[in-house]
Amino acid sequence: MFLAVVTAGSLSAAGRLLDLPPMQVSRRLAALEDELGVRLFHRTTRSVSLTAEGETLVPYATTMTEAEESARGALSSSGAAASGVLRMTAPSVFGQFVVVPLLADLLQSHPDLRVDLDLSDRVVDIVGQGLDLALRVAPLADSELVARRMAANPRVIFAAPSYLRRHGRPSTLADLQAHDCIVLQAVPRWPVVVQGELKRQRVAARVSTTSVDAVRAAAVQGLGIAMLTYWDVLPQFATGSLEPIELQDAVMEDLSIWAITPTRRYTPARVKVFLDALQTRLDSGRSPKERRPL
């Protein structure tokens, strides 16, 4: 209950999360404070905020609840059962294409499981936001978080068959300079590896946008050559509406899909069953040359 108030930010919101009347939440919170002999929250009529003592309690309370969930899962007759709220974040396009389609079977298999999914391309503080899991497609900065590599996700360049028929297929980095390119504004120069060294290649951007969806849509319409990651364009590769382009003198930067969790200990069953389902999906989407132990 204490952690629900921390996450929700008010007693009434915590009550909705726990399916309890706000008055009952308030009474239980007061009883906890009486038992501990400290005030855990500063209260106003609309919100609550942690005291210094409350801040101190958060990691201990988190460890206690995670340990209980792990114990119940291990001792349950259905060891794979998952329950509670899986709070996670994922990149927008990857989340829509890969994560959301997993949820129907996952929730049907685990009736007591609920999912709170934040689709965002920003890097979310999963500890500060109280999240169980973050999926990321980017080089990882050093941190104390636990990272599990799920699959390769290299950058790829591609174009529509209609564009390639009109303008030809580039075969070298120099050839790109004669082509119209569609550029994601967050990556104005394309990361390529030449003779083992990563360099940033400037291209002639005829279309520039902030949206991965827009880059892909413009490429499908034949407006130019684009660069995204493999999983961003896998459906279009499968249907033939986009074709990958390989260069003779360079390869694209090799990224990966990472699952980030706050701690290695007491991983809740809800996280384990989701990651198992995600791994199965990612394995099925690899090209034959990528289907190897990661």
Protein backbone atom coordinates (compact mmCIF):
# COMPACT_ATOMS: atom_id res chain seq x y z
CA MET A 1 0.00 0.00 0.00
CA PHE A 2 2.87 2.37 0.81
CA LEU A 3 4.42 1.78 -2.62
CA ALA A 4 1.05 2.28 -4.32
CA VAL A 5 0.79 5.73 -2.74
CA VAL A 6 4.37 6.51 -3.84
CA THR A 7 3.62 5.46 -7.42
CA ALA A 8 0.16 7.02 -7.71
CA GLY A 9 1.00 10.32 -6.02
CA SER A 10 -2.24 10.63 -4.02
CA LEU A 11 -4.38 8.57 -1.67
CA SER A 12 -7.36 8.53 -4.01
CA ALA A 13 -5.24 7.39 -6.98
CA ALA A 14 -3.64 4.70 -4.82
CA GLY A 15 -7.12 3.60 -3.80
CA ARG A 16 -8.12 3.19 -7.43
CA LEU A 17 -4.94 1.23 -8.08
CA LEU A 18 -5.63 -1.11 -5.16
CA ASP A 19 -9.42 -1.10 -5.52
CA LEU A 20 -9.78 0.33 -2.00
CA PRO A 21 -11.69 3.37 -0.68
CA PRO A 22 -9.35 6.36 -0.08
CA MET A 23 -10.35 6.41 3.59
CA GLN A 24 -9.12 2.85 4.02
CA VAL A 25 -5.84 3.74 2.34
CA SER A 26 -5.47 6.72 4.68
CA ARG A 27 -6.13 4.61 7.76
CA ARG A 28 -3.66 1.92 6.73
CA LEU A 29 -1.03 4.55 5.97
CA ALA A 30 -1.58 6.15 9.37
CA ALA A 31 -1.28 2.73 11.03
CA LEU A 32 2.02 2.09 9.25
CA GLU A 33 3.37 5.47 10.34
CA ASP A 34 2.28 4.78 13.94
CA GLU A 35 4.00 1.40 13.86
CA LEU A 36 7.24 2.84 12.49
CA GLY A 37 7.09 5.96 14.63
CA VAL A 38 7.81 8.31 11.71
CA ARG A 39 5.87 10.38 9.18
CA LEU A 40 6.24 8.91 5.69
CA PHE A 41 4.37 11.54 3.63
CA HIS A 42 3.62 15.22 3.63
CA ARG A 43 -0.12 15.42 2.91
CA THR A 44 -2.25 18.06 1.22
CA THR A 45 -5.87 17.85 0.16
CA ARG A 46 -4.87 16.85 -3.38
CA SER A 47 -1.51 15.11 -3.22
CA VAL A 48 1.16 13.57 -1.03
CA SER A 49 4.95 13.76 -1.15
CA LEU A 50 7.58 11.66 0.56
CA THR A 51 9.38 12.80 3.69
CA ALA A 52 13.06 11.98 4.14
CA GLU A 53 12.00 8.93 6.16
CA GLY A 54 9.64 7.87 3.39
CA GLU A 55 12.45 8.14 0.83
CA THR A 56 14.55 5.87 3.04
CA LEU A 57 11.78 3.27 3.23
CA VAL A 58 11.15 3.00 -0.55
CA PRO A 59 14.01 0.62 -1.51
CA TYR A 60 13.32 -1.59 1.51
CA ALA A 61 9.61 -1.75 0.73
CA THR A 62 10.36 -2.56 -2.91
CA THR A 63 12.70 -5.40 -1.92
CA MET A 64 10.13 -6.80 0.50
CA THR A 65 7.29 -6.84 -2.03
CA GLU A 66 9.48 -8.29 -4.79
CA ALA A 67 10.72 -11.02 -2.45
CA GLU A 68 7.14 -11.90 -1.53
CA GLU A 69 6.10 -12.08 -5.19
CA SER A 70 9.08 -14.29 -6.03
CA ALA A 71 8.34 -16.61 -3.12
CA ARG A 72 4.68 -16.93 -4.06
CA GLY A 73 5.59 -17.61 -7.68
CA ALA A 74 8.16 -20.25 -6.71
CA LEU A 75 5.76 -22.02 -4.32
CA SER A 76 2.68 -21.75 -6.51
CA SER A 77 1.34 -24.93 -8.04
CA SER A 78 1.48 -23.10 -11.36
CA GLY A 79 5.05 -21.84 -11.17
CA ALA A 80 4.72 -19.80 -14.36
CA ALA A 81 1.67 -17.87 -13.15
CA ALA A 82 2.04 -14.10 -13.14
CA SER A 83 -0.07 -11.47 -11.43
CA GLY A 84 -0.07 -7.81 -10.51
CA VAL A 85 0.71 -4.82 -12.71
CA LEU A 86 3.62 -5.06 -15.16
CA ARG A 87 4.85 -1.49 -15.45
CA MET A 88 7.16 -1.02 -18.41
CA THR A 89 8.34 1.37 -21.10
CA ALA A 90 9.37 0.75 -24.72
CA PRO A 91 10.24 2.80 -27.82
CA SER A 92 7.10 3.91 -29.67
CA VAL A 93 7.43 2.01 -32.96
CA PHE A 94 8.94 -1.11 -31.43
CA GLY A 95 6.25 -1.09 -28.74
CA GLN A 96 3.42 -0.80 -31.25
CA PHE A 97 4.78 -3.42 -33.63
CA VAL A 98 6.29 -5.98 -31.23
CA VAL A 99 5.13 -5.43 -27.64
CA VAL A 100 1.42 -4.68 -28.05
CA PRO A 101 0.74 -7.76 -30.25
CA LEU A 102 2.18 -9.95 -27.46
CA LEU A 103 -0.31 -8.77 -24.87
CA ALA A 104 -3.44 -10.65 -25.97
CA ASP A 105 -1.95 -14.13 -25.50
CA LEU A 106 0.00 -13.04 -22.42
CA LEU A 107 -3.05 -11.66 -20.62
CA GLN A 108 -5.16 -14.65 -21.64
CA SER A 109 -2.54 -17.02 -20.19
CA HIS A 110 -2.25 -14.97 -17.00
CA PRO A 111 -5.72 -13.69 -16.01
CA ASP A 112 -4.42 -11.91 -12.89
CA LEU A 113 -1.84 -9.92 -14.84
CA ARG A 114 -2.30 -6.28 -15.87
CA VAL A 115 -0.01 -4.15 -18.03
CA ASP A 116 0.83 -0.45 -17.76
CA LEU A 117 2.83 0.36 -20.93
CA ASP A 118 4.53 3.71 -21.60
CA LEU A 119 5.46 4.06 -25.28
CA SER A 120 8.12 6.74 -25.45
CA ASP A 121 11.39 7.31 -27.30
CA ARG A 122 12.90 9.18 -24.35
CA VAL A 123 15.09 7.40 -21.78
CA VAL A 124 12.90 6.89 -18.72
CA ASP A 125 14.26 6.66 -15.16
CA ILE A 126 12.77 3.25 -14.34
CA VAL A 127 13.76 3.39 -10.67
CA GLY A 128 12.36 6.88 -10.16
CA GLN A 129 9.18 6.00 -12.07
CA GLY A 130 8.71 2.70 -10.23
CA LEU A 131 8.85 0.61 -13.43
CA ASP A 132 9.57 -3.11 -13.63
CA LEU A 133 11.16 -3.05 -17.05
CA ALA A 134 12.43 -0.85 -19.88
CA LEU A 135 13.06 -1.98 -23.44
CA ARG A 136 15.69 0.09 -25.22
CA VAL A 137 17.18 0.14 -28.71
CA ALA A 138 20.33 2.22 -28.31
CA PRO A 139 23.92 2.00 -27.08
CA LEU A 140 23.69 1.72 -23.31
CA ALA A 141 25.30 4.17 -20.93
CA ASP A 142 27.05 2.76 -17.88
CA SER A 143 24.64 2.35 -14.99
CA GLU A 144 23.82 0.15 -12.01
CA LEU A 145 20.77 -1.24 -13.81
CA VAL A 146 20.68 -4.82 -15.08
CA ALA A 147 20.74 -5.17 -18.89
CA ARG A 148 19.82 -8.30 -20.84
CA ARG A 149 20.48 -8.41 -24.60
CA MET A 150 17.39 -9.79 -26.32
CA ALA A 151 18.27 -9.58 -30.02
CA ALA A 152 20.39 -7.84 -32.61
CA ASN A 153 18.80 -4.76 -34.17
CA PRO A 154 21.28 -3.29 -36.66
CA ARG A 155 20.63 -0.09 -38.52
CA VAL A 156 19.71 -0.73 -42.16
CA ILE A 157 19.34 1.47 -45.23
CA PHE A 158 16.48 0.78 -47.58
CA ALA A 159 14.20 2.14 -50.27
CA ALA A 160 11.01 1.27 -52.11
CA PRO A 161 11.30 -0.81 -55.30
CA SER A 162 9.74 2.11 -57.20
CA TYR A 163 12.53 4.47 -56.09
CA LEU A 164 15.24 1.96 -56.98
CA ARG A 165 13.76 1.44 -60.45
CA ARG A 166 13.84 5.19 -61.11
CA HIS A 167 17.20 6.07 -59.56
CA GLY A 168 19.18 2.85 -59.36
CA ARG A 169 20.66 1.06 -56.34
CA PRO A 170 23.69 2.60 -54.57
CA SER A 171 26.55 0.19 -53.93
CA THR A 172 29.06 2.42 -52.09
CA LEU A 173 29.01 5.28 -49.60
CA ALA A 174 30.00 7.68 -52.37
CA ASP A 175 26.96 6.56 -54.40
CA LEU A 176 24.65 7.80 -51.61
CA GLN A 177 25.61 11.39 -52.37
CA ALA A 178 23.73 11.21 -55.68
CA HIS A 179 20.49 10.00 -54.06
CA ASP A 180 17.58 11.64 -52.28
CA CYS A 181 17.59 10.61 -48.63
CA ILE A 182 14.96 10.62 -45.89
CA VAL A 183 16.51 11.59 -42.58
CA LEU A 184 15.35 11.18 -39.00
CA GLN A 185 16.21 14.48 -37.33
CA ALA A 186 17.60 12.73 -34.26
CA VAL A 187 20.17 11.02 -36.54
CA PRO A 188 21.15 13.68 -39.11
CA ARG A 189 24.36 11.83 -40.03
CA TRP A 190 24.15 8.11 -40.64
CA PRO A 191 26.36 5.92 -38.41
CA VAL A 192 28.33 3.51 -40.62
CA VAL A 193 31.30 1.24 -39.97
CA VAL A 194 34.14 1.52 -42.48
CA GLN A 195 37.10 -0.84 -42.03
CA GLY A 196 36.11 -1.42 -38.43
CA GLU A 197 35.78 2.28 -37.56
CA LEU A 198 32.48 4.01 -36.80
CA LYS A 199 31.96 7.23 -38.75
CA ARG A 200 29.07 9.64 -39.28
CA GLN A 201 28.12 9.94 -42.94
CA ARG A 202 26.48 13.13 -44.16
CA VAL A 203 23.71 12.51 -46.72
CA ALA A 204 21.56 14.78 -48.90
CA ALA A 205 18.26 14.99 -47.02
CA ARG A 206 15.33 15.75 -49.28
CA VAL A 207 12.89 14.88 -46.46
CA SER A 208 13.66 15.38 -42.76
CA THR A 209 11.28 14.44 -39.96
CA THR A 210 11.15 13.75 -36.24
CA SER A 211 9.03 10.61 -36.64
CA VAL A 212 10.17 7.05 -37.34
CA ASP A 213 6.70 6.35 -38.73
CA ALA A 214 7.04 9.27 -41.15
CA VAL A 215 10.47 8.13 -42.35
CA ARG A 216 9.11 4.68 -43.09
CA ALA A 217 5.96 6.00 -44.78
CA ALA A 218 7.94 8.39 -46.98
CA ALA A 219 10.25 5.58 -48.02
CA VAL A 220 7.31 3.32 -48.91
CA GLN A 221 6.00 6.13 -51.14
CA GLY A 222 9.28 6.14 -53.04
CA LEU A 223 10.55 9.54 -51.83
CA GLY A 224 14.09 8.38 -51.20
CA ILE A 225 16.56 6.17 -49.35
CA ALA A 226 16.18 5.96 -45.56
CA MET A 227 17.87 4.47 -42.53
CA LEU A 228 16.17 2.93 -39.51
CA THR A 229 16.75 -0.18 -37.40
CA TYR A 230 15.92 -3.69 -38.60
CA TRP A 231 12.85 -4.17 -36.40
CA ASP A 232 11.40 -0.81 -37.46
CA VAL A 233 11.02 -2.03 -41.06
CA LEU A 234 10.74 -5.81 -40.71
CA PRO A 235 7.04 -5.89 -41.82
CA GLN A 236 7.85 -3.88 -44.94
CA PHE A 237 10.80 -6.16 -45.77
CA ALA A 238 8.48 -9.15 -45.41
CA THR A 239 5.91 -7.70 -47.84
CA GLY A 240 8.47 -6.32 -50.28
CA SER A 241 7.27 -2.73 -50.00
CA LEU A 242 10.81 -1.83 -48.90
CA GLU A 243 14.11 -3.43 -49.90
CA PRO A 244 17.32 -3.46 -47.85
CA ILE A 245 20.42 -1.96 -49.49
CA GLU A 246 23.89 -3.38 -48.83
CA LEU A 247 26.99 -1.31 -49.48
CA GLN A 248 30.28 -2.82 -50.61
CA ASP A 249 32.52 -0.55 -48.54
CA ALA A 250 30.52 -0.05 -45.34
CA VAL A 251 28.09 -1.72 -42.96
CA MET A 252 25.52 -0.08 -40.72
CA GLU A 253 26.03 0.38 -36.99
CA ASP A 254 25.04 -2.77 -35.05
CA LEU A 255 22.55 -2.00 -32.28
CA SER A 256 20.66 -4.37 -30.00
CA ILE A 257 17.35 -4.66 -28.20
CA TRP A 258 17.97 -4.52 -24.45
CA ALA A 259 15.72 -5.38 -21.52
CA ILE A 260 16.60 -3.19 -18.51
CA THR A 261 15.50 -4.10 -14.98
CA PRO A 262 16.22 -2.31 -11.69
CA THR A 263 17.79 -5.32 -9.97
CA ARG A 264 18.87 -8.89 -10.66
CA ARG A 265 17.36 -10.14 -7.40
CA TYR A 266 13.70 -10.98 -6.87
CA THR A 267 12.64 -10.61 -10.49
CA PRO A 268 8.81 -10.77 -10.40
CA ALA A 269 7.09 -13.56 -12.31
CA ARG A 270 5.26 -10.94 -14.41
CA VAL A 271 8.61 -9.73 -15.78
CA LYS A 272 9.88 -13.25 -16.44
CA VAL A 273 6.82 -14.39 -18.40
CA PHE A 274 6.82 -11.23 -20.50
CA LEU A 275 10.52 -11.52 -21.35
CA ASP A 276 10.05 -15.18 -22.29
CA ALA A 277 7.22 -14.22 -24.67
CA LEU A 278 9.27 -11.34 -26.09
CA GLN A 279 12.31 -13.57 -26.64
CA THR A 280 10.19 -16.08 -28.56
CA ARG A 281 8.83 -13.29 -30.77
CA LEU A 282 12.26 -11.83 -31.43
CA ASP A 283 13.71 -15.24 -32.26
CA SER A 284 10.98 -15.79 -34.85
CA GLY A 285 11.73 -12.43 -36.50
CA ARG A 286 15.46 -12.88 -37.07
CA SER A 287 16.88 -13.55 -40.48
CA PRO A 288 18.47 -17.03 -40.76
CA LYS A 289 21.99 -15.65 -40.34
CA GLU A 290 20.92 -13.98 -37.08
CA ARG A 291 19.38 -17.13 -35.56
CA ARG A 292 22.23 -18.01 -33.31
CA PRO A 293 22.80 -17.83 -29.53
CA LEU A 294 23.07 -14.20 -28.45
